[in-house]
PDB file of N, CA and C in Angstrom:
ATOM      1  N   UNK A   1     108.864  72.648 103.435  1.00  0.00           N
ATOM      2  CA  UNK A   1     107.834  73.528 102.946  1.00  0.00           C
ATOM      3  C   UNK A   1     108.101  74.344 101.658  1.00  0.00           C
ATOM      4  N   UNK A   2     106.921  74.626 101.009  1.00  0.00           N
ATOM      5  CA  UNK A   2     107.033  75.190  99.677  1.00  0.00           C
ATOM      6  C   UNK A   2     106.313  76.843  99.813  1.00  0.00           C
ATOM      7  N   UNK A   3     106.760  77.567  99.290  1.00  0.00           N
ATOM      8  CA  UNK A   3     106.794  79.077  99.388  1.00  0.00           C
ATOM      9  C   UNK A   3     106.272  79.158  97.981  1.00  0.00           C
ATOM     10  N   UNK A   4     105.170  79.871  97.779  1.00  0.00           N
ATOM     11  CA  UNK A   4     104.665  80.318  96.407  1.00  0.00           C
ATOM     12  C   UNK A   4     104.713  82.039  96.481  1.00  0.00           C
ATOM     13  N   UNK A   5     105.218  82.819  95.474  1.00  0.00           N
ATOM     14  CA  UNK A   5     105.448  83.761  95.273  1.00  0.00           C
ATOM     15  C   UNK A   5     104.611  84.527  94.204  1.00  0.00           C
ATOM     16  N   UNK A   6     104.021  85.912  94.466  1.00  0.00           N
ATOM     17  CA  UNK A   6     103.249  86.280  93.797  1.00  0.00           C
ATOM     18  C   UNK A   6     103.276  87.561  93.982  1.00  0.00           C
ATOM     19  N   UNK A   7     103.120  88.881  92.508  1.00  0.00           N
ATOM     20  CA  UNK A   7     103.226  90.139  92.844  1.00  0.00           C
ATOM     21  C   UNK A   7     101.899  90.630  92.731  1.00  0.00           C
ATOM     22  N   UNK A   8     101.447  91.473  93.505  1.00  0.00           N
ATOM     23  CA  UNK A   8      99.993  92.034  93.216  1.00  0.00           C
ATOM     24  C   UNK A   8     100.100  93.675  93.435  1.00  0.00           C
ATOM     25  N   UNK A   9     100.271  94.624  92.757  1.00  0.00           N
ATOM     26  CA  UNK A   9     100.441  95.781  92.849  1.00  0.00           C
ATOM     27  C   UNK A   9     101.636  96.011  93.311  1.00  0.00           C
ATOM     28  N   UNK A  10     101.941  96.397  94.518  1.00  0.00           N
ATOM     29  CA  UNK A  10     103.204  97.032  95.312  1.00  0.00           C
ATOM     30  C   UNK A  10     103.761  95.770  96.073  1.00  0.00           C
ATOM     31  N   UNK A  11     102.794  94.974  96.665  1.00  0.00           N
ATOM     32  CA  UNK A  11     103.107  94.134  97.474  1.00  0.00           C
ATOM     33  C   UNK A  11     103.583  92.455  96.894  1.00  0.00           C
ATOM     34  N   UNK A  12     104.845  91.597  97.580  1.00  0.00           N
ATOM     35  CA  UNK A  12     104.662  90.722  97.302  1.00  0.00           C
ATOM     36  C   UNK A  12     104.244  89.902  98.200  1.00  0.00           C
ATOM     37  N   UNK A  13     103.710  88.779  97.790  1.00  0.00           N
ATOM     38  CA  UNK A  13     102.833  87.316  98.609  1.00  0.00           C
ATOM     39  C   UNK A  13     103.420  86.558  98.593  1.00  0.00           C
ATOM     40  N   UNK A  14     103.756  86.184  99.661  1.00  0.00           N
ATOM     41  CA  UNK A  14     104.530  84.695  99.895  1.00  0.00           C
ATOM     42  C   UNK A  14     103.406  83.939 100.875  1.00  0.00           C
ATOM     43  N   UNK A  15     103.230  82.631 100.221  1.00  0.00           N
ATOM     44  CA  UNK A  15     102.356  81.596 100.589  1.00  0.00           C
ATOM     45  C   UNK A  15     102.949  80.700 100.906  1.00  0.00           C
ATOM     46  N   UNK A  16     103.027  80.417 102.397  1.00  0.00           N
ATOM     47  CA  UNK A  16     103.889  79.472 103.121  1.00  0.00           C
ATOM     48  C   UNK A  16     103.198  77.987 102.983  1.00  0.00           C
ATOM     49  N   UNK A  17     103.685  76.947 102.849  1.00  0.00           N
ATOM     50  CA  UNK A  17     102.739  75.853 102.947  1.00  0.00           C
ATOM     51  C   UNK A  17     103.548  75.007 103.765  1.00  0.00           C
ATOM     52  N   UNK A  18     103.272  73.977 104.711  1.00  0.00           N
ATOM     53  CA  UNK A  18     103.862  73.204 105.433  1.00  0.00           C
ATOM     54  C   UNK A  18     104.688  73.559 106.782  1.00  0.00           C
ATOM     55  N   UNK A  19     105.862  73.443 107.358  1.00  0.00           N
ATOM     56  CA  UNK A  19     106.453  73.508 108.594  1.00  0.00           C
ATOM     57  C   UNK A  19     107.573  74.613 108.512  1.00  0.00           C
ATOM     58  N   UNK A  20     107.314  75.169 108.817  1.00  0.00           N
ATOM     59  CA  UNK A  20     108.401  76.532 109.272  1.00  0.00           C
ATOM     60  C   UNK A  20     109.468  76.002 110.273  1.00  0.00           C
ATOM     61  N   UNK A  21     110.245  75.347 110.453  1.00  0.00           N
ATOM     62  CA  UNK A  21     110.810  74.802 111.539  1.00  0.00           C
ATOM     63  C   UNK A  21     112.425  74.837 111.146  1.00  0.00           C
ATOM     64  N   UNK A  22     113.373  74.198 111.786  1.00  0.00           N
ATOM     65  CA  UNK A  22     114.778  74.124 111.977  1.00  0.00           C
ATOM     66  C   UNK A  22     115.359  74.009 110.579  1.00  0.00           C
ATOM     67  N   UNK A  23     114.386  72.849 109.876  1.00  0.00           N
ATOM     68  CA  UNK A  23     114.840  72.323 108.389  1.00  0.00           C
ATOM     69  C   UNK A  23     114.556  73.556 107.281  1.00  0.00           C
ATOM     70  N   UNK A  24     113.584  74.089 107.495  1.00  0.00           N
ATOM     71  CA  UNK A  24     113.073  74.804 106.670  1.00  0.00           C
ATOM     72  C   UNK A  24     113.330  76.459 106.746  1.00  0.00           C
ATOM     73  N   UNK A  25     113.753  76.847 107.876  1.00  0.00           N
ATOM     74  CA  UNK A  25     114.159  78.326 108.147  1.00  0.00           C
ATOM     75  C   UNK A  25     114.848  79.230 107.302  1.00  0.00           C
ATOM     76  N   UNK A  26     116.118  78.501 107.070  1.00  0.00           N
ATOM     77  CA  UNK A  26     117.207  78.899 106.197  1.00  0.00           C
ATOM     78  C   UNK A  26     116.790  79.307 104.964  1.00  0.00           C
ATOM     79  N   UNK A  27     116.083  78.214 104.382  1.00  0.00           N
ATOM     80  CA  UNK A  27     115.821  78.427 102.944  1.00  0.00           C
ATOM     81  C   UNK A  27     114.490  79.811 102.765  1.00  0.00           C
ATOM     82  N   UNK A  28     113.639  79.617 103.928  1.00  0.00           N
ATOM     83  CA  UNK A  28     112.757  80.836 103.883  1.00  0.00           C
ATOM     84  C   UNK A  28     113.600  82.152 104.091  1.00  0.00           C
ATOM     85  N   UNK A  29     114.432  82.055 104.870  1.00  0.00           N
ATOM     86  CA  UNK A  29     115.282  83.373 105.210  1.00  0.00           C
ATOM     87  C   UNK A  29     116.211  83.942 103.876  1.00  0.00           C
ATOM     88  N   UNK A  30     116.599  83.090 103.400  1.00  0.00           N
ATOM     89  CA  UNK A  30     117.252  83.320 102.259  1.00  0.00           C
ATOM     90  C   UNK A  30     116.376  83.744 100.936  1.00  0.00           C
ATOM     91  N   UNK A  31     115.504  83.224 100.812  1.00  0.00           N
ATOM     92  CA  UNK A  31     114.092  83.862 100.008  1.00  0.00           C
ATOM     93  C   UNK A  31     113.458  85.075 100.422  1.00  0.00           C
ATOM     94  N   UNK A  32     113.564  85.387 101.716  1.00  0.00           N
ATOM     95  CA  UNK A  32     113.218  86.512 102.193  1.00  0.00           C
ATOM     96  C   UNK A  32     114.093  87.773 101.571  1.00  0.00           C
ATOM     97  N   UNK A  33     115.451  87.313 102.055  1.00  0.00           N
ATOM     98  CA  UNK A  33     116.677  88.061 101.479  1.00  0.00           C
ATOM     99  C   UNK A  33     116.915  88.763 100.167  1.00  0.00           C
ATOM    100  N   UNK A  34     116.306  87.582  99.210  1.00  0.00           N
ATOM    101  CA  UNK A  34     116.761  87.820  97.924  1.00  0.00           C
ATOM    102  C   UNK A  34     115.480  88.670  97.297  1.00  0.00           C
ATOM    103  N   UNK A  35     114.501  88.510  98.199  1.00  0.00           N
ATOM    104  CA  UNK A  35     113.169  89.347  97.604  1.00  0.00           C
ATOM    105  C   UNK A  35     113.771  91.031  97.649  1.00  0.00           C
ATOM    106  N   UNK A  36     114.013  91.175  99.089  1.00  0.00           N
ATOM    107  CA  UNK A  36     113.909  92.737  99.781  1.00  0.00           C
ATOM    108  C   UNK A  36     115.099  92.869  99.051  1.00  0.00           C
ATOM    109  N   UNK A  37     116.172  92.472  99.201  1.00  0.00           N
ATOM    110  CA  UNK A  37     117.520  92.898  98.125  1.00  0.00           C
ATOM    111  C   UNK A  37     116.909  93.124  96.394  1.00  0.00           C
ATOM    112  N   UNK A  38     116.087  92.294  95.974  1.00  0.00           N
ATOM    113  CA  UNK A  38     115.401  93.080  94.663  1.00  0.00           C
ATOM    114  C   UNK A  38     114.702  93.815  94.695  1.00  0.00           C
ATOM    115  N   UNK A  39     114.566  94.524  95.781  1.00  0.00           N
ATOM    116  CA  UNK A  39     113.608  96.055  95.703  1.00  0.00           C
ATOM    117  C   UNK A  39     112.211  95.640  96.382  1.00  0.00           C
ATOM    118  N   UNK A  40     111.756  94.800  96.599  1.00  0.00           N
ATOM    119  CA  UNK A  40     110.317  94.342  97.223  1.00  0.00           C
ATOM    120  C   UNK A  40     110.585  94.893  98.880  1.00  0.00           C
ATOM    121  N   UNK A  41     109.665  95.781  99.082  1.00  0.00           N
ATOM    122  CA  UNK A  41     109.798  96.377 100.224  1.00  0.00           C
ATOM    123  C   UNK A  41     108.222  96.269 101.258  1.00  0.00           C
ATOM    124  N   UNK A  42     107.571  95.611 100.466  1.00  0.00           N
ATOM    125  CA  UNK A  42     105.784  95.544 101.003  1.00  0.00           C
ATOM    126  C   UNK A  42     105.637  93.912 100.765  1.00  0.00           C
ATOM    127  N   UNK A  43     105.629  93.303 101.822  1.00  0.00           N
ATOM    128  CA  UNK A  43     105.817  91.647 101.785  1.00  0.00           C
ATOM    129  C   UNK A  43     104.207  91.433 102.914  1.00  0.00           C
ATOM    130  N   UNK A  44     103.677  90.380 102.113  1.00  0.00           N
ATOM    131  CA  UNK A  44     102.371  89.913 102.951  1.00  0.00           C
ATOM    132  C   UNK A  44     102.660  88.247 103.111  1.00  0.00           C
ATOM    133  N   UNK A  45     102.954  87.818 103.850  1.00  0.00           N
ATOM    134  CA  UNK A  45     102.871  86.259 104.391  1.00  0.00           C
ATOM    135  C   UNK A  45     101.420  85.661 104.411  1.00  0.00           C
ATOM    136  N   UNK A  46     101.047  84.876 103.598  1.00  0.00           N
ATOM    137  CA  UNK A  46      99.995  84.072 103.845  1.00  0.00           C
ATOM    138  C   UNK A  46     100.252  82.989 104.401  1.00  0.00           C
ATOM    139  N   UNK A  47      99.823  82.891 105.427  1.00  0.00           N
ATOM    140  CA  UNK A  47     100.227  81.619 106.466  1.00  0.00           C
ATOM    141  C   UNK A  47      98.857  80.704 106.366  1.00  0.00           C
ATOM    142  N   UNK A  48      97.595  80.702 105.697  1.00  0.00           N
ATOM    143  CA  UNK A  48      96.859  80.066 105.505  1.00  0.00           C
ATOM    144  C   UNK A  48      97.189  78.176 105.652  1.00  0.00           C
ATOM    145  N   UNK A  49      98.332  78.073 104.843  1.00  0.00           N
ATOM    146  CA  UNK A  49      98.648  76.783 105.054  1.00  0.00           C
ATOM    147  C   UNK A  49      99.837  76.127 105.645  1.00  0.00           C
ATOM    148  N   UNK A  50     100.347  77.159 106.692  1.00  0.00           N
ATOM    149  CA  UNK A  50     101.413  76.974 107.211  1.00  0.00           C
ATOM    150  C   UNK A  50     100.652  76.113 108.432  1.00  0.00           C
ATOM    151  N   UNK A  51     101.210  74.961 108.878  1.00  0.00           N
ATOM    152  CA  UNK A  51     101.004  73.753 109.447  1.00  0.00           C
ATOM    153  C   UNK A  51     101.644  73.936 110.967  1.00  0.00           C
ATOM    154  N   UNK A  52     102.977  74.645 111.103  1.00  0.00           N
ATOM    155  CA  UNK A  52     103.678  74.669 112.294  1.00  0.00           C
ATOM    156  C   UNK A  52     104.623  75.854 112.134  1.00  0.00           C
ATOM    157  N   UNK A  53     104.927  76.458 113.083  1.00  0.00           N
ATOM    158  CA  UNK A  53     105.894  77.577 113.112  1.00  0.00           C
ATOM    159  C   UNK A  53     106.904  77.434 114.605  1.00  0.00           C
ATOM    160  N   UNK A  54     107.822  76.990 114.513  1.00  0.00           N
ATOM    161  CA  UNK A  54     109.101  76.980 115.464  1.00  0.00           C
ATOM    162  C   UNK A  54     109.707  78.592 115.873  1.00  0.00           C
ATOM    163  N   UNK A  55     110.326  78.529 116.774  1.00  0.00           N
ATOM    164  CA  UNK A  55     110.779  79.566 117.322  1.00  0.00           C
ATOM    165  C   UNK A  55     111.895  80.229 116.551  1.00  0.00           C
ATOM    166  N   UNK A  56     112.612  79.775 115.718  1.00  0.00           N
ATOM    167  CA  UNK A  56     113.351  79.898 114.439  1.00  0.00           C
ATOM    168  C   UNK A  56     112.682  80.257 113.776  1.00  0.00           C
ATOM    169  N   UNK A  57     111.578  80.033 113.454  1.00  0.00           N
ATOM    170  CA  UNK A  57     110.646  80.526 111.926  1.00  0.00           C
ATOM    171  C   UNK A  57     110.210  82.023 112.557  1.00  0.00           C
ATOM    172  N   UNK A  58     110.148  81.946 113.807  1.00  0.00           N
ATOM    173  CA  UNK A  58     109.604  83.389 114.192  1.00  0.00           C
ATOM    174  C   UNK A  58     110.383  84.524 114.088  1.00  0.00           C
ATOM    175  N   UNK A  59     111.704  83.883 114.428  1.00  0.00           N
ATOM    176  CA  UNK A  59     112.867  84.299 114.145  1.00  0.00           C
ATOM    177  C   UNK A  59     113.230  85.400 113.227  1.00  0.00           C
ATOM    178  N   UNK A  60     112.958  84.410 111.953  1.00  0.00           N
ATOM    179  CA  UNK A  60     113.103  84.777 110.369  1.00  0.00           C
ATOM    180  C   UNK A  60     112.401  86.188 110.046  1.00  0.00           C
ATOM    181  N   UNK A  61     110.791  85.898 110.943  1.00  0.00           N
ATOM    182  CA  UNK A  61     110.136  86.983 110.650  1.00  0.00           C
ATOM    183  C   UNK A  61     110.662  88.172 111.312  1.00  0.00           C
ATOM    184  N   UNK A  62     111.498  88.198 112.285  1.00  0.00           N
ATOM    185  CA  UNK A  62     112.220  89.392 113.103  1.00  0.00           C
ATOM    186  C   UNK A  62     113.111  89.689 112.099  1.00  0.00           C
ATOM    187  N   UNK A  63     113.634  88.925 111.503  1.00  0.00           N
ATOM    188  CA  UNK A  63     115.158  89.250 110.974  1.00  0.00           C
ATOM    189  C   UNK A  63     114.814  90.249 109.352  1.00  0.00           C
ATOM    190  N   UNK A  64     113.655  89.355 108.739  1.00  0.00           N
ATOM    191  CA  UNK A  64     112.989  89.919 107.870  1.00  0.00           C
ATOM    192  C   UNK A  64     112.678  91.395 108.055  1.00  0.00           C
ATOM    193  N   UNK A  65     111.780  91.482 109.155  1.00  0.00           N
ATOM    194  CA  UNK A  65     111.224  93.063 109.577  1.00  0.00           C
ATOM    195  C   UNK A  65     112.460  94.287 109.701  1.00  0.00           C
ATOM    196  N   UNK A  66     113.418  93.388 110.369  1.00  0.00           N
ATOM    197  CA  UNK A  66     114.461  94.253 110.861  1.00  0.00           C
ATOM    198  C   UNK A  66     115.270  94.905 109.606  1.00  0.00           C
ATOM    199  N   UNK A  67     115.474  93.735 108.609  1.00  0.00           N
ATOM    200  CA  UNK A  67     115.912  94.353 107.213  1.00  0.00           C
ATOM    201  C   UNK A  67     114.931  95.439 106.431  1.00  0.00           C
ATOM    202  N   UNK A  68     113.370  95.239 106.708  1.00  0.00           N
ATOM    203  CA  UNK A  68     112.842  96.329 106.088  1.00  0.00           C
ATOM    204  C   UNK A  68     112.755  97.486 106.513  1.00  0.00           C
ATOM    205  N   UNK A  69     112.942  97.763 107.732  1.00  0.00           N
ATOM    206  CA  UNK A  69     112.898  98.934 108.320  1.00  0.00           C
ATOM    207  C   UNK A  69     113.729 100.214 107.837  1.00  0.00           C
ATOM    208  N   UNK A  70     114.920  99.888 107.852  1.00  0.00           N
ATOM    209  CA  UNK A  70     115.798 100.948 106.861  1.00  0.00           C
ATOM    210  C   UNK A  70     115.344 101.425 105.743  1.00  0.00           C
ATOM    211  N   UNK A  71     114.759 100.505 104.953  1.00  0.00           N
ATOM    212  CA  UNK A  71     113.789 100.779 103.726  1.00  0.00           C
ATOM    213  C   UNK A  71     112.521 101.205 103.723  1.00  0.00           C
ATOM    214  N   UNK A  72     112.044 101.589 105.101  1.00  0.00           N
ATOM    215  CA  UNK A  72     110.655 102.140 104.901  1.00  0.00           C
ATOM    216  C   UNK A  72     109.852 101.278 104.537  1.00  0.00           C
ATOM    217  N   UNK A  73     110.241  99.814 104.680  1.00  0.00           N
ATOM    218  CA  UNK A  73     109.299  98.596 104.300  1.00  0.00           C
ATOM    219  C   UNK A  73     108.124  98.202 105.167  1.00  0.00           C
ATOM    220  N   UNK A  74     107.305  97.176 105.087  1.00  0.00           N
ATOM    221  CA  UNK A  74     106.545  96.679 105.772  1.00  0.00           C
ATOM    222  C   UNK A  74     106.439  95.069 105.758  1.00  0.00           C
ATOM    223  N   UNK A  75     106.022  94.306 106.579  1.00  0.00           N
ATOM    224  CA  UNK A  75     105.637  93.256 106.770  1.00  0.00           C
ATOM    225  C   UNK A  75     104.578  92.807 107.448  1.00  0.00           C
ATOM    226  N   UNK A  76     103.762  92.420 106.754  1.00  0.00           N
ATOM    227  CA  UNK A  76     102.076  92.052 107.122  1.00  0.00           C
ATOM    228  C   UNK A  76     101.979  90.536 107.180  1.00  0.00           C
ATOM    229  N   UNK A  77     100.968  89.978 108.015  1.00  0.00           N
ATOM    230  CA  UNK A  77     100.439  88.872 107.788  1.00  0.00           C
ATOM    231  C   UNK A  77      99.227  88.689 107.368  1.00  0.00           C
ATOM    232  N   UNK A  78      98.820  87.299 106.924  1.00  0.00           N
ATOM    233  CA  UNK A  78      97.330  87.066 106.339  1.00  0.00           C
ATOM    234  C   UNK A  78      97.019  85.936 106.613  1.00  0.00           C
ATOM    235  N   UNK A  79      95.823  85.154 106.826  1.00  0.00           N
ATOM    236  CA  UNK A  79      94.955  83.833 106.968  1.00  0.00           C
ATOM    237  C   UNK A  79      95.699  83.290 107.817  1.00  0.00           C
ATOM    238  N   UNK A  80      95.865  83.741 109.099  1.00  0.00           N
ATOM    239  CA  UNK A  80      96.229  82.984 110.266  1.00  0.00           C
ATOM    240  C   UNK A  80      95.182  82.062 111.043  1.00  0.00           C
ATOM    241  N   UNK A  81      95.868  80.626 110.759  1.00  0.00           N
ATOM    242  CA  UNK A  81      94.989  79.500 111.603  1.00  0.00           C
ATOM    243  C   UNK A  81      94.960  79.954 113.085  1.00  0.00           C
ATOM    244  N   UNK A  82      94.056  79.249 113.815  1.00  0.00           N
ATOM    245  CA  UNK A  82      94.248  79.951 114.994  1.00  0.00           C
ATOM    246  C   UNK A  82      95.144  79.102 115.926  1.00  0.00           C
ATOM    247  N   UNK A  83      95.950  78.065 115.665  1.00  0.00           N
ATOM    248  CA  UNK A  83      97.192  77.209 115.850  1.00  0.00           C
ATOM    249  C   UNK A  83      98.337  78.203 116.092  1.00  0.00           C
ATOM    250  N   UNK A  84      98.351  78.899 114.934  1.00  0.00           N
ATOM    251  CA  UNK A  84      99.402  79.563 114.300  1.00  0.00           C
ATOM    252  C   UNK A  84      99.263  81.069 114.852  1.00  0.00           C
ATOM    253  N   UNK A  85      97.920  81.554 115.030  1.00  0.00           N
ATOM    254  CA  UNK A  85      98.215  82.864 115.838  1.00  0.00           C
ATOM    255  C   UNK A  85      98.169  82.709 117.559  1.00  0.00           C
ATOM    256  N   UNK A  86      97.962  81.555 118.073  1.00  0.00           N
ATOM    257  CA  UNK A  86      98.087  81.171 119.262  1.00  0.00           C
ATOM    258  C   UNK A  86      99.705  81.473 119.491  1.00  0.00           C
ATOM    259  N   UNK A  87     100.008  80.803 118.872  1.00  0.00           N
ATOM    260  CA  UNK A  87     101.880  80.792 119.003  1.00  0.00           C
ATOM    261  C   UNK A  87     102.416  82.353 118.919  1.00  0.00           C
ATOM    262  N   UNK A  88     101.855  83.141 117.979  1.00  0.00           N
ATOM    263  CA  UNK A  88     101.980  84.491 117.592  1.00  0.00           C
ATOM    264  C   UNK A  88     102.007  85.242 119.052  1.00  0.00           C
ATOM    265  N   UNK A  89     100.514  85.114 119.490  1.00  0.00           N
ATOM    266  CA  UNK A  89     100.222  85.802 120.686  1.00  0.00           C
ATOM    267  C   UNK A  89     101.117  85.487 121.790  1.00  0.00           C
ATOM    268  N   UNK A  90     101.489  84.168 121.932  1.00  0.00           N
ATOM    269  CA  UNK A  90     102.302  83.353 123.164  1.00  0.00           C
ATOM    270  C   UNK A  90     103.508  84.209 123.216  1.00  0.00           C
ATOM    271  N   UNK A  91     104.110  84.142 121.938  1.00  0.00           N
ATOM    272  CA  UNK A  91     105.384  84.782 121.958  1.00  0.00           C
ATOM    273  C   UNK A  91     105.666  86.426 121.821  1.00  0.00           C
ATOM    274  N   UNK A  92     104.247  87.044 121.932  1.00  0.00           N
ATOM    275  CA  UNK A  92     104.384  88.398 121.803  1.00  0.00           C
ATOM    276  C   UNK A  92     104.411  89.238 120.487  1.00  0.00           C
ATOM    277  N   UNK A  93     104.351  88.079 119.165  1.00  0.00           N
ATOM    278  CA  UNK A  93     104.475  88.778 118.042  1.00  0.00           C
ATOM    279  C   UNK A  93     103.182  89.404 117.680  1.00  0.00           C
ATOM    280  N   UNK A  94     102.230  89.458 117.953  1.00  0.00           N
ATOM    281  CA  UNK A  94     101.197  89.640 117.308  1.00  0.00           C
ATOM    282  C   UNK A  94     101.074  91.077 117.326  1.00  0.00           C
ATOM    283  N   UNK A  95     101.710  91.957 118.318  1.00  0.00           N
ATOM    284  CA  UNK A  95     101.620  93.412 118.376  1.00  0.00           C
ATOM    285  C   UNK A  95     102.574  93.872 117.360  1.00  0.00           C
ATOM    286  N   UNK A  96     103.920  93.133 116.868  1.00  0.00           N
ATOM    287  CA  UNK A  96     104.757  93.943 115.999  1.00  0.00           C
ATOM    288  C   UNK A  96     103.994  93.536 114.600  1.00  0.00           C
ATOM    289  N   UNK A  97     103.658  92.383 114.507  1.00  0.00           N
ATOM    290  CA  UNK A  97     103.090  92.144 112.889  1.00  0.00           C
ATOM    291  C   UNK A  97     101.801  92.350 112.603  1.00  0.00           C
ATOM    292  N   UNK A  98     100.983  93.226 111.932  1.00  0.00           N
ATOM    293  CA  UNK A  98     100.035  93.606 111.725  1.00  0.00           C
ATOM    294  C   UNK A  98      99.216  92.118 110.959  1.00  0.00           C
ATOM    295  N   UNK A  99      98.276  91.729 111.322  1.00  0.00           N
ATOM    296  CA  UNK A  99      97.628  90.647 110.589  1.00  0.00           C
ATOM    297  C   UNK A  99      96.388  90.790 109.920  1.00  0.00           C
ATOM    298  N   UNK A 100      95.906  90.254 109.076  1.00  0.00           N
ATOM    299  CA  UNK A 100      94.444  90.406 108.226  1.00  0.00           C
ATOM    300  C   UNK A 100      93.738  89.017 108.029  1.00  0.00           C
ATOM    301  N   UNK A 101      92.407  89.146 107.735  1.00  0.00           N
ATOM    302  CA  UNK A 101      91.706  87.964 107.685  1.00  0.00           C
ATOM    303  C   UNK A 101      91.918  87.115 105.959  1.00  0.00           C
ATOM    304  N   UNK A 102      92.425  88.036 105.080  1.00  0.00           N
ATOM    305  CA  UNK A 102      92.711  87.868 103.911  1.00  0.00           C
ATOM    306  C   UNK A 102      93.658  88.222 103.158  1.00  0.00           C
ATOM    307  N   UNK A 103      94.328  87.861 102.209  1.00  0.00           N
ATOM    308  CA  UNK A 103      95.475  88.142 101.320  1.00  0.00           C
ATOM    309  C   UNK A 103      94.900  89.528 100.985  1.00  0.00           C
ATOM    310  N   UNK A 104      93.637  89.509 100.262  1.00  0.00           N
ATOM    311  CA  UNK A 104      93.214  90.675  99.409  1.00  0.00           C
ATOM    312  C   UNK A 104      93.242  92.079 100.782  1.00  0.00           C
ATOM    313  N   UNK A 105      93.026  91.738 102.016  1.00  0.00           N
ATOM    314  CA  UNK A 105      93.009  93.173 103.143  1.00  0.00           C
ATOM    315  C   UNK A 105      94.405  93.286 103.426  1.00  0.00           C
ATOM    316  N   UNK A 106      95.279  92.517 103.253  1.00  0.00           N
ATOM    317  CA  UNK A 106      96.433  92.704 103.713  1.00  0.00           C
ATOM    318  C   UNK A 106      97.295  93.197 102.517  1.00  0.00           C
ATOM    319  N   UNK A 107      97.168  92.932 101.218  1.00  0.00           N
ATOM    320  CA  UNK A 107      97.715  93.841 100.286  1.00  0.00           C
ATOM    321  C   UNK A 107      96.783  95.195 100.547  1.00  0.00           C
ATOM    322  N   UNK A 108      96.087  95.565 100.784  1.00  0.00           N
ATOM    323  CA  UNK A 108      95.437  96.833 101.150  1.00  0.00           C
ATOM    324  C   UNK A 108      95.714  97.523 102.008  1.00  0.00           C
ATOM    325  N   UNK A 109      96.292  97.031 102.814  1.00  0.00           N
ATOM    326  CA  UNK A 109      96.840  97.873 103.924  1.00  0.00           C
ATOM    327  C   UNK A 109      98.425  97.534 104.195  1.00  0.00           C
ATOM    328  N   UNK A 110      98.889  96.924 103.267  1.00  0.00           N
ATOM    329  CA  UNK A 110     100.723  96.778 103.394  1.00  0.00           C
ATOM    330  C   UNK A 110     101.052  98.431 102.827  1.00  0.00           C
ATOM    331  N   UNK A 111     100.380  99.396 102.079  1.00  0.00           N
ATOM    332  CA  UNK A 111     100.985 100.396 102.162  1.00  0.00           C
ATOM    333  C   UNK A 111     101.569 100.805 100.607  1.00  0.00           C
TER     334      UNK A 111
END
């Protein structure tokens, strides 16, 4: 999986490209931790090019949100493809992470 990072205003946008599975989740978690430890507390995950997410990948979203909570941070999602949205819905994650149809809208609403 490839992760592209962009800072826009007070938001850090991570564009995920590929599969977030057992092989790639550790690297994703480390990248998220580094970003949060570096002071970024407003994160937007652009999932437009995410092909697949496993339960381990979903857990990484939870861990990032847990790390952001005491910092009054926020994690939002953007550009969910139907198959990824379905996984989030089934897992009950749709209510945990606000999602927006575009990165621009997500950046406006991340706080």
